């Protein structure tokens, strides 16, 4: 499951949402990727087993940046690829989207 949000799990005002969200994720049998925009970081980041939850990945997208983040998920292997730097330049140079992982 992929969840897109504008809410940072580390901001206290969001804690009511995340307390319930973490409980739901812990009961879910599949991987959960939580993607959010974070203006407080210089570059994007990815954290596995977030908050001690084995099936939770948290990805913080660098805000106010061009190009937007490219995220490609392979549901057969359970892997994903993230690029928030070079994919657009490669696309423009080659005229095609980047190859999957």
PDB file of N, CA and C in Angstrom:
ATOM      1  N   UNK A   1       0.849  -1.155   0.000  1.00  0.00           N
ATOM      2  CA  UNK A   1       0.000   0.000   0.000  1.00  0.00           C
ATOM      3  C   UNK A   1       0.906   1.233   0.000  1.00  0.00           C
ATOM      4  N   UNK A   2       0.506   2.234  -0.767  1.00  0.00           N
ATOM      5  CA  UNK A   2       1.225   3.502  -0.801  1.00  0.00           C
ATOM      6  C   UNK A   2       0.273   4.588  -0.320  1.00  0.00           C
ATOM      7  N   UNK A   3       0.744   5.380   0.638  1.00  0.00           N
ATOM      8  CA  UNK A   3      -0.047   6.477   1.190  1.00  0.00           C
ATOM      9  C   UNK A   3       0.699   7.776   0.889  1.00  0.00           C
ATOM     10  N   UNK A   4       0.036   8.699   0.206  1.00  0.00           N
ATOM     11  CA  UNK A   4       0.614  10.013  -0.066  1.00  0.00           C
ATOM     12  C   UNK A   4      -0.011  11.021   0.882  1.00  0.00           C
ATOM     13  N   UNK A   5       0.833  11.848   1.495  1.00  0.00           N
ATOM     14  CA  UNK A   5       0.333  12.813   2.471  1.00  0.00           C
ATOM     15  C   UNK A   5       1.207  14.057   2.473  1.00  0.00           C
ATOM     16  N   UNK A   6       0.722  15.042   3.146  1.00  0.00           N
ATOM     17  CA  UNK A   6       1.471  16.280   3.319  1.00  0.00           C
ATOM     18  C   UNK A   6       1.866  16.427   4.787  1.00  0.00           C
ATOM     19  N   UNK A   7       1.699  15.366   5.536  1.00  0.00           N
ATOM     20  CA  UNK A   7       1.871  15.392   6.985  1.00  0.00           C
ATOM     21  C   UNK A   7       3.156  14.676   7.386  1.00  0.00           C
ATOM     22  N   UNK A   8       3.970  15.329   8.184  1.00  0.00           N
ATOM     23  CA  UNK A   8       5.229  14.774   8.666  1.00  0.00           C
ATOM     24  C   UNK A   8       4.979  14.007   9.964  1.00  0.00           C
ATOM     25  N   UNK A   9       5.402  12.737  10.048  1.00  0.00           N
ATOM     26  CA  UNK A   9       5.161  11.965  11.265  1.00  0.00           C
ATOM     27  C   UNK A   9       5.904  12.497  12.490  1.00  0.00           C
ATOM     28  N   UNK A  10       6.873  13.356  12.295  1.00  0.00           N
ATOM     29  CA  UNK A  10       7.651  13.859  13.433  1.00  0.00           C
ATOM     30  C   UNK A  10       7.095  15.154  14.024  1.00  0.00           C
ATOM     31  N   UNK A  11       6.034  15.705  13.451  1.00  0.00           N
ATOM     32  CA  UNK A  11       5.455  16.937  13.975  1.00  0.00           C
ATOM     33  C   UNK A  11       4.362  16.583  14.981  1.00  0.00           C
ATOM     34  N   UNK A  12       4.480  17.132  16.172  1.00  0.00           N
ATOM     35  CA  UNK A  12       3.612  16.752  17.293  1.00  0.00           C
ATOM     36  C   UNK A  12       2.121  16.942  17.019  1.00  0.00           C
ATOM     37  N   UNK A  13       1.739  17.984  16.310  1.00  0.00           N
ATOM     38  CA  UNK A  13       0.317  18.238  16.063  1.00  0.00           C
ATOM     39  C   UNK A  13      -0.332  17.110  15.237  1.00  0.00           C
ATOM     40  N   UNK A  14       0.476  16.337  14.535  1.00  0.00           N
ATOM     41  CA  UNK A  14      -0.017  15.228  13.711  1.00  0.00           C
ATOM     42  C   UNK A  14      -0.109  13.914  14.477  1.00  0.00           C
ATOM     43  N   UNK A  15       0.252  13.900  15.743  1.00  0.00           N
ATOM     44  CA  UNK A  15       0.390  12.660  16.489  1.00  0.00           C
ATOM     45  C   UNK A  15      -0.894  11.855  16.603  1.00  0.00           C
ATOM     46  N   UNK A  16      -2.047  12.491  16.727  1.00  0.00           N
ATOM     47  CA  UNK A  16      -3.307  11.737  16.812  1.00  0.00           C
ATOM     48  C   UNK A  16      -3.513  10.867  15.586  1.00  0.00           C
ATOM     49  N   UNK A  17      -3.234  11.415  14.406  1.00  0.00           N
ATOM     50  CA  UNK A  17      -3.356  10.632  13.187  1.00  0.00           C
ATOM     51  C   UNK A  17      -2.365   9.475  13.187  1.00  0.00           C
ATOM     52  N   UNK A  18      -1.110   9.767  13.505  1.00  0.00           N
ATOM     53  CA  UNK A  18      -0.076   8.738  13.387  1.00  0.00           C
ATOM     54  C   UNK A  18      -0.193   7.649  14.437  1.00  0.00           C
ATOM     55  N   UNK A  19      -0.683   7.955  15.618  1.00  0.00           N
ATOM     56  CA  UNK A  19      -0.892   6.890  16.612  1.00  0.00           C
ATOM     57  C   UNK A  19      -1.833   5.823  16.055  1.00  0.00           C
ATOM     58  N   UNK A  20      -2.948   6.245  15.464  1.00  0.00           N
ATOM     59  CA  UNK A  20      -3.899   5.296  14.875  1.00  0.00           C
ATOM     60  C   UNK A  20      -3.322   4.651  13.609  1.00  0.00           C
ATOM     61  N   UNK A  21      -2.629   5.431  12.797  1.00  0.00           N
ATOM     62  CA  UNK A  21      -2.043   4.925  11.554  1.00  0.00           C
ATOM     63  C   UNK A  21      -1.024   3.817  11.845  1.00  0.00           C
ATOM     64  N   UNK A  22      -0.152   4.032  12.822  1.00  0.00           N
ATOM     65  CA  UNK A  22       0.850   3.008  13.173  1.00  0.00           C
ATOM     66  C   UNK A  22       0.180   1.713  13.608  1.00  0.00           C
ATOM     67  N   UNK A  23      -0.886   1.803  14.368  1.00  0.00           N
ATOM     68  CA  UNK A  23      -1.598   0.596  14.793  1.00  0.00           C
ATOM     69  C   UNK A  23      -2.169  -0.159  13.597  1.00  0.00           C
ATOM     70  N   UNK A  24      -2.731   0.578  12.650  1.00  0.00           N
ATOM     71  CA  UNK A  24      -3.278  -0.066  11.448  1.00  0.00           C
ATOM     72  C   UNK A  24      -2.176  -0.734  10.635  1.00  0.00           C
ATOM     73  N   UNK A  25      -1.050  -0.061  10.476  1.00  0.00           N
ATOM     74  CA  UNK A  25       0.057  -0.608   9.683  1.00  0.00           C
ATOM     75  C   UNK A  25       0.604  -1.877  10.340  1.00  0.00           C
ATOM     76  N   UNK A  26       0.713  -1.875  11.646  1.00  0.00           N
ATOM     77  CA  UNK A  26       1.219  -3.057  12.345  1.00  0.00           C
ATOM     78  C   UNK A  26       0.336  -4.280  12.130  1.00  0.00           C
ATOM     79  N   UNK A  27      -0.961  -4.067  11.946  1.00  0.00           N
ATOM     80  CA  UNK A  27      -1.891  -5.185  11.713  1.00  0.00           C
ATOM     81  C   UNK A  27      -1.975  -5.581  10.242  1.00  0.00           C
ATOM     82  N   UNK A  28      -1.450  -4.763   9.371  1.00  0.00           N
ATOM     83  CA  UNK A  28      -1.509  -5.002   7.926  1.00  0.00           C
ATOM     84  C   UNK A  28      -0.392  -5.970   7.547  1.00  0.00           C
ATOM     85  N   UNK A  29      -0.692  -6.924   6.680  1.00  0.00           N
ATOM     86  CA  UNK A  29       0.283  -7.968   6.352  1.00  0.00           C
ATOM     87  C   UNK A  29       1.271  -7.597   5.245  1.00  0.00           C
ATOM     88  N   UNK A  30       1.057  -6.506   4.574  1.00  0.00           N
ATOM     89  CA  UNK A  30       1.916  -6.125   3.449  1.00  0.00           C
ATOM     90  C   UNK A  30       2.742  -4.887   3.791  1.00  0.00           C
ATOM     91  N   UNK A  31       3.672  -4.585   2.922  1.00  0.00           N
ATOM     92  CA  UNK A  31       4.504  -3.392   3.080  1.00  0.00           C
ATOM     93  C   UNK A  31       3.670  -2.135   2.863  1.00  0.00           C
ATOM     94  N   UNK A  32       3.944  -1.110   3.652  1.00  0.00           N
ATOM     95  CA  UNK A  32       3.289   0.188   3.525  1.00  0.00           C
ATOM     96  C   UNK A  32       4.373   1.232   3.272  1.00  0.00           C
ATOM     97  N   UNK A  33       4.190   2.009   2.217  1.00  0.00           N
ATOM     98  CA  UNK A  33       5.109   3.099   1.901  1.00  0.00           C
ATOM     99  C   UNK A  33       4.349   4.400   2.124  1.00  0.00           C
ATOM    100  N   UNK A  34       4.817   5.189   3.075  1.00  0.00           N
ATOM    101  CA  UNK A  34       4.197   6.466   3.415  1.00  0.00           C
ATOM    102  C   UNK A  34       5.076   7.564   2.823  1.00  0.00           C
ATOM    103  N   UNK A  35       4.526   8.318   1.861  1.00  0.00           N
ATOM    104  CA  UNK A  35       5.272   9.362   1.168  1.00  0.00           C
ATOM    105  C   UNK A  35       4.703  10.712   1.575  1.00  0.00           C
ATOM    106  N   UNK A  36       5.574  11.598   2.068  1.00  0.00           N
ATOM    107  CA  UNK A  36       5.100  12.922   2.466  1.00  0.00           C
ATOM    108  C   UNK A  36       6.100  13.994   2.043  1.00  0.00           C
ATOM    109  N   UNK A  37       5.593  15.185   1.892  1.00  0.00           N
ATOM    110  CA  UNK A  37       6.432  16.330   1.561  1.00  0.00           C
ATOM    111  C   UNK A  37       6.940  16.935   2.862  1.00  0.00           C
ATOM    112  N   UNK A  38       8.210  17.242   2.888  1.00  0.00           N
ATOM    113  CA  UNK A  38       8.806  17.796   4.086  1.00  0.00           C
ATOM    114  C   UNK A  38       9.657  18.991   3.707  1.00  0.00           C
ATOM    115  N   UNK A  39       9.245  20.152   4.142  1.00  0.00           N
ATOM    116  CA  UNK A  39       9.994  21.372   3.835  1.00  0.00           C
ATOM    117  C   UNK A  39      11.209  21.552   4.728  1.00  0.00           C
ATOM    118  N   UNK A  40      11.320  20.762   5.783  1.00  0.00           N
ATOM    119  CA  UNK A  40      12.394  20.954   6.752  1.00  0.00           C
ATOM    120  C   UNK A  40      13.674  20.202   6.448  1.00  0.00           C
ATOM    121  N   UNK A  41      13.775  19.569   5.276  1.00  0.00           N
ATOM    122  CA  UNK A  41      15.001  18.835   4.949  1.00  0.00           C
ATOM    123  C   UNK A  41      15.629  19.393   3.685  1.00  0.00           C
ATOM    124  N   UNK A  42      16.921  19.177   3.551  1.00  0.00           N
ATOM    125  CA  UNK A  42      17.630  19.669   2.375  1.00  0.00           C
ATOM    126  C   UNK A  42      17.455  18.748   1.179  1.00  0.00           C
ATOM    127  N   UNK A  43      17.411  17.429   1.427  1.00  0.00           N
ATOM    128  CA  UNK A  43      17.250  16.453   0.354  1.00  0.00           C
ATOM    129  C   UNK A  43      16.194  15.436   0.780  1.00  0.00           C
ATOM    130  N   UNK A  44      15.751  14.627  -0.163  1.00  0.00           N
ATOM    131  CA  UNK A  44      14.760  13.611   0.157  1.00  0.00           C
ATOM    132  C   UNK A  44      15.415  12.543   1.031  1.00  0.00           C
ATOM    133  N   UNK A  45      14.579  11.788   1.726  1.00  0.00           N
ATOM    134  CA  UNK A  45      15.108  10.722   2.576  1.00  0.00           C
ATOM    135  C   UNK A  45      14.164   9.528   2.568  1.00  0.00           C
ATOM    136  N   UNK A  46      14.706   8.395   2.942  1.00  0.00           N
ATOM    137  CA  UNK A  46      13.936   7.157   3.033  1.00  0.00           C
ATOM    138  C   UNK A  46      14.345   6.436   4.305  1.00  0.00           C
ATOM    139  N   UNK A  47      13.363   6.004   5.092  1.00  0.00           N
ATOM    140  CA  UNK A  47      13.647   5.289   6.331  1.00  0.00           C
ATOM    141  C   UNK A  47      12.849   3.997   6.349  1.00  0.00           C
ATOM    142  N   UNK A  48      13.548   2.872   6.466  1.00  0.00           N
ATOM    143  CA  UNK A  48      12.911   1.561   6.568  1.00  0.00           C
ATOM    144  C   UNK A  48      12.607   1.249   8.025  1.00  0.00           C
ATOM    145  N   UNK A  49      11.612   0.390   8.240  1.00  0.00           N
ATOM    146  CA  UNK A  49      11.193  -0.023   9.583  1.00  0.00           C
ATOM    147  C   UNK A  49      10.980   1.195  10.478  1.00  0.00           C
ATOM    148  N   UNK A  50      10.261   2.160   9.932  1.00  0.00           N
ATOM    149  CA  UNK A  50      10.030   3.420  10.629  1.00  0.00           C
ATOM    150  C   UNK A  50       9.272   3.200  11.931  1.00  0.00           C
ATOM    151  N   UNK A  51       9.708   3.868  12.963  1.00  0.00           N
ATOM    152  CA  UNK A  51       9.079   3.801  14.282  1.00  0.00           C
ATOM    153  C   UNK A  51       9.057   2.365  14.824  1.00  0.00           C
ATOM    154  N   UNK A  52      10.015   1.548  14.368  1.00  0.00           N
ATOM    155  CA  UNK A  52      10.096   0.163  14.813  1.00  0.00           C
ATOM    156  C   UNK A  52       9.080  -0.763  14.180  1.00  0.00           C
ATOM    157  N   UNK A  53       8.389  -0.302  13.135  1.00  0.00           N
ATOM    158  CA  UNK A  53       7.362  -1.104  12.470  1.00  0.00           C
ATOM    159  C   UNK A  53       7.995  -1.741  11.234  1.00  0.00           C
ATOM    160  N   UNK A  54       8.084  -3.053  11.218  1.00  0.00           N
ATOM    161  CA  UNK A  54       8.865  -3.770  10.209  1.00  0.00           C
ATOM    162  C   UNK A  54       8.379  -3.578   8.775  1.00  0.00           C
ATOM    163  N   UNK A  55       7.097  -3.339   8.568  1.00  0.00           N
ATOM    164  CA  UNK A  55       6.570  -3.220   7.208  1.00  0.00           C
ATOM    165  C   UNK A  55       6.313  -1.772   6.790  1.00  0.00           C
ATOM    166  N   UNK A  56       6.869  -0.808   7.526  1.00  0.00           N
ATOM    167  CA  UNK A  56       6.621   0.604   7.212  1.00  0.00           C
ATOM    168  C   UNK A  56       7.879   1.301   6.702  1.00  0.00           C
ATOM    169  N   UNK A  57       7.760   1.847   5.493  1.00  0.00           N
ATOM    170  CA  UNK A  57       8.806   2.685   4.892  1.00  0.00           C
ATOM    171  C   UNK A  57       8.267   4.099   4.840  1.00  0.00           C
ATOM    172  N   UNK A  58       9.072   5.066   5.245  1.00  0.00           N
ATOM    173  CA  UNK A  58       8.665   6.466   5.166  1.00  0.00           C
ATOM    174  C   UNK A  58       9.626   7.189   4.226  1.00  0.00           C
ATOM    175  N   UNK A  59       9.040   7.847   3.239  1.00  0.00           N
ATOM    176  CA  UNK A  59       9.812   8.603   2.256  1.00  0.00           C
ATOM    177  C   UNK A  59       9.421  10.073   2.383  1.00  0.00           C
ATOM    178  N   UNK A  60      10.405  10.926   2.635  1.00  0.00           N
ATOM    179  CA  UNK A  60      10.172  12.373   2.699  1.00  0.00           C
ATOM    180  C   UNK A  60      10.651  12.976   1.386  1.00  0.00           C
ATOM    181  N   UNK A  61       9.737  13.623   0.692  1.00  0.00           N
ATOM    182  CA  UNK A  61      10.037  14.247  -0.590  1.00  0.00           C
ATOM    183  C   UNK A  61      10.532  15.665  -0.334  1.00  0.00           C
ATOM    184  N   UNK A  62      11.597  16.036  -0.999  1.00  0.00           N
ATOM    185  CA  UNK A  62      12.093  17.404  -0.874  1.00  0.00           C
ATOM    186  C   UNK A  62      11.082  18.352  -1.495  1.00  0.00           C
ATOM    187  N   UNK A  63      10.596  19.293  -0.714  1.00  0.00           N
ATOM    188  CA  UNK A  63       9.574  20.214  -1.171  1.00  0.00           C
ATOM    189  C   UNK A  63      10.132  21.339  -2.025  1.00  0.00           C
ATOM    190  N   UNK A  64       9.256  21.933  -2.807  1.00  0.00           N
ATOM    191  CA  UNK A  64       9.592  23.094  -3.645  1.00  0.00           C
ATOM    192  C   UNK A  64      10.797  22.830  -4.535  1.00  0.00           C
ATOM    193  N   UNK A  65      10.812  21.678  -5.157  1.00  0.00           N
ATOM    194  CA  UNK A  65      11.944  21.293  -6.002  1.00  0.00           C
ATOM    195  C   UNK A  65      11.438  20.803  -7.351  1.00  0.00           C
ATOM    196  N   UNK A  66      12.187  21.124  -8.380  1.00  0.00           N
ATOM    197  CA  UNK A  66      11.938  20.586  -9.707  1.00  0.00           C
ATOM    198  C   UNK A  66      13.135  19.751 -10.087  1.00  0.00           C
ATOM    199  N   UNK A  67      12.957  18.578 -10.613  1.00  0.00           N
ATOM    200  CA  UNK A  67      11.682  17.940 -10.934  1.00  0.00           C
ATOM    201  C   UNK A  67      11.060  17.303  -9.696  1.00  0.00           C
ATOM    202  N   UNK A  68       9.780  16.951  -9.819  1.00  0.00           N
ATOM    203  CA  UNK A  68       9.156  16.229  -8.713  1.00  0.00           C
ATOM    204  C   UNK A  68       9.783  14.844  -8.581  1.00  0.00           C
ATOM    205  N   UNK A  69       9.506  14.184  -7.489  1.00  0.00           N
ATOM    206  CA  UNK A  69      10.081  12.863  -7.254  1.00  0.00           C
ATOM    207  C   UNK A  69       9.503  11.839  -8.237  1.00  0.00           C
ATOM    208  N   UNK A  70      10.368  10.984  -8.734  1.00  0.00           N
ATOM    209  CA  UNK A  70       9.993   9.840  -9.573  1.00  0.00           C
ATOM    210  C   UNK A  70      10.026   8.626  -8.660  1.00  0.00           C
ATOM    211  N   UNK A  71       8.929   7.911  -8.559  1.00  0.00           N
ATOM    212  CA  UNK A  71       8.866   6.713  -7.742  1.00  0.00           C
ATOM    213  C   UNK A  71       8.260   5.603  -8.571  1.00  0.00           C
ATOM    214  N   UNK A  72       8.991   4.523  -8.675  1.00  0.00           N
ATOM    215  CA  UNK A  72       8.540   3.389  -9.468  1.00  0.00           C
ATOM    216  C   UNK A  72       8.494   2.165  -8.557  1.00  0.00           C
ATOM    217  N   UNK A  73       7.332   1.504  -8.512  1.00  0.00           N
ATOM    218  CA  UNK A  73       7.133   0.375  -7.616  1.00  0.00           C
ATOM    219  C   UNK A  73       6.901  -0.882  -8.442  1.00  0.00           C
ATOM    220  N   UNK A  74       7.610  -1.949  -8.097  1.00  0.00           N
ATOM    221  CA  UNK A  74       7.417  -3.239  -8.743  1.00  0.00           C
ATOM    222  C   UNK A  74       6.647  -4.135  -7.765  1.00  0.00           C
ATOM    223  N   UNK A  75       5.348  -4.327  -7.998  1.00  0.00           N
ATOM    224  CA  UNK A  75       4.545  -5.107  -7.044  1.00  0.00           C
ATOM    225  C   UNK A  75       4.907  -6.591  -7.020  1.00  0.00           C
ATOM    226  N   UNK A  76       5.546  -7.094  -8.065  1.00  0.00           N
ATOM    227  CA  UNK A  76       5.916  -8.513  -8.092  1.00  0.00           C
ATOM    228  C   UNK A  76       7.100  -8.809  -7.175  1.00  0.00           C
ATOM    229  N   UNK A  77       8.062  -7.904  -7.130  1.00  0.00           N
ATOM    230  CA  UNK A  77       9.248  -8.130  -6.295  1.00  0.00           C
ATOM    231  C   UNK A  77       9.177  -7.390  -4.964  1.00  0.00           C
ATOM    232  N   UNK A  78       8.249  -6.433  -4.850  1.00  0.00           N
ATOM    233  CA  UNK A  78       8.142  -5.653  -3.631  1.00  0.00           C
ATOM    234  C   UNK A  78       9.214  -4.585  -3.493  1.00  0.00           C
ATOM    235  N   UNK A  79       9.864  -4.255  -4.588  1.00  0.00           N
ATOM    236  CA  UNK A  79      10.913  -3.243  -4.558  1.00  0.00           C
ATOM    237  C   UNK A  79      10.402  -1.931  -5.129  1.00  0.00           C
ATOM    238  N   UNK A  80      11.083  -0.844  -4.780  1.00  0.00           N
ATOM    239  CA  UNK A  80      10.756   0.439  -5.374  1.00  0.00           C
ATOM    240  C   UNK A  80      12.019   1.248  -5.577  1.00  0.00           C
ATOM    241  N   UNK A  81      11.944   2.152  -6.532  1.00  0.00           N
ATOM    242  CA  UNK A  81      13.067   2.995  -6.911  1.00  0.00           C
ATOM    243  C   UNK A  81      12.623   4.448  -6.812  1.00  0.00           C
ATOM    244  N   UNK A  82      13.499   5.277  -6.247  1.00  0.00           N
ATOM    245  CA  UNK A  82      13.183   6.690  -6.055  1.00  0.00           C
ATOM    246  C   UNK A  82      14.273   7.529  -6.694  1.00  0.00           C
ATOM    247  N   UNK A  83      13.875   8.582  -7.373  1.00  0.00           N
ATOM    248  CA  UNK A  83      14.846   9.520  -7.938  1.00  0.00           C
ATOM    249  C   UNK A  83      14.239  10.913  -7.877  1.00  0.00           C
ATOM    250  N   UNK A  84      14.893  11.802  -7.169  1.00  0.00           N
ATOM    251  CA  UNK A  84      14.429  13.177  -7.127  1.00  0.00           C
ATOM    252  C   UNK A  84      15.539  14.103  -7.595  1.00  0.00           C
ATOM    253  N   UNK A  85      16.360  13.601  -8.524  1.00  0.00           N
ATOM    254  CA  UNK A  85      17.422  14.471  -9.001  1.00  0.00           C
ATOM    255  C   UNK A  85      17.601  14.407 -10.510  1.00  0.00           C
ATOM    256  N   UNK A  86      17.883  13.238 -11.041  1.00  0.00           N
ATOM    257  CA  UNK A  86      18.341  13.185 -12.439  1.00  0.00           C
ATOM    258  C   UNK A  86      17.338  12.629 -13.437  1.00  0.00           C
ATOM    259  N   UNK A  87      16.216  12.082 -12.989  1.00  0.00           N
ATOM    260  CA  UNK A  87      15.338  11.393 -13.933  1.00  0.00           C
ATOM    261  C   UNK A  87      14.840  12.307 -15.035  1.00  0.00           C
ATOM    262  N   UNK A  88      14.525  13.541 -14.713  1.00  0.00           N
ATOM    263  CA  UNK A  88      13.955  14.442 -15.710  1.00  0.00           C
ATOM    264  C   UNK A  88      14.997  14.800 -16.773  1.00  0.00           C
ATOM    265  N   UNK A  89      16.216  15.094 -16.358  1.00  0.00           N
ATOM    266  CA  UNK A  89      17.277  15.403 -17.321  1.00  0.00           C
ATOM    267  C   UNK A  89      17.544  14.216 -18.240  1.00  0.00           C
ATOM    268  N   UNK A  90      17.538  13.007 -17.668  1.00  0.00           N
ATOM    269  CA  UNK A  90      17.735  11.792 -18.472  1.00  0.00           C
ATOM    270  C   UNK A  90      16.580  11.619 -19.459  1.00  0.00           C
ATOM    271  N   UNK A  91      15.372  11.886 -19.005  1.00  0.00           N
ATOM    272  CA  UNK A  91      14.197  11.784 -19.871  1.00  0.00           C
ATOM    273  C   UNK A  91      14.303  12.760 -21.037  1.00  0.00           C
ATOM    274  N   UNK A  92      14.669  14.002 -20.741  1.00  0.00           N
ATOM    275  CA  UNK A  92      14.769  15.016 -21.790  1.00  0.00           C
ATOM    276  C   UNK A  92      15.904  14.697 -22.763  1.00  0.00           C
ATOM    277  N   UNK A  93      17.015  14.175 -22.268  1.00  0.00           N
ATOM    278  CA  UNK A  93      18.163  13.864 -23.120  1.00  0.00           C
ATOM    279  C   UNK A  93      17.877  12.667 -24.022  1.00  0.00           C
ATOM    280  N   UNK A  94      17.195  11.662 -23.493  1.00  0.00           N
ATOM    281  CA  UNK A  94      16.958  10.427 -24.237  1.00  0.00           C
ATOM    282  C   UNK A  94      15.575  10.368 -24.864  1.00  0.00           C
ATOM    283  N   UNK A  95      14.669  11.210 -24.404  1.00  0.00           N
ATOM    284  CA  UNK A  95      13.316  11.194 -24.929  1.00  0.00           C
ATOM    285  C   UNK A  95      12.499  10.008 -24.450  1.00  0.00           C
ATOM    286  N   UNK A  96      12.926   9.393 -23.351  1.00  0.00           N
ATOM    287  CA  UNK A  96      12.161   8.269 -22.803  1.00  0.00           C
ATOM    288  C   UNK A  96      12.336   8.238 -21.287  1.00  0.00           C
ATOM    289  N   UNK A  97      11.423   7.551 -20.631  1.00  0.00           N
ATOM    290  CA  UNK A  97      11.464   7.446 -19.177  1.00  0.00           C
ATOM    291  C   UNK A  97      12.571   6.516 -18.751  1.00  0.00           C
ATOM    292  N   UNK A  98      13.088   6.687 -17.510  1.00  0.00           N
ATOM    293  CA  UNK A  98      14.155   5.816 -17.016  1.00  0.00           C
ATOM    294  C   UNK A  98      13.700   4.366 -16.941  1.00  0.00           C
ATOM    295  N   UNK A  99      14.656   3.457 -17.002  1.00  0.00           N
ATOM    296  CA  UNK A  99      14.367   2.034 -16.889  1.00  0.00           C
ATOM    297  C   UNK A  99      14.021   1.672 -15.462  1.00  0.00           C
ATOM    298  N   UNK A 100      13.206   0.638 -15.323  1.00  0.00           N
ATOM    299  CA  UNK A 100      12.851   0.172 -13.990  1.00  0.00           C
ATOM    300  C   UNK A 100      14.042  -0.507 -13.340  1.00  0.00           C
ATOM    301  N   UNK A 101      14.011  -0.616 -11.989  1.00  0.00           N
ATOM    302  CA  UNK A 101      15.154  -1.201 -11.269  1.00  0.00           C
ATOM    303  C   UNK A 101      15.385  -2.652 -11.631  1.00  0.00           C
TER     304      UNK A 101
END
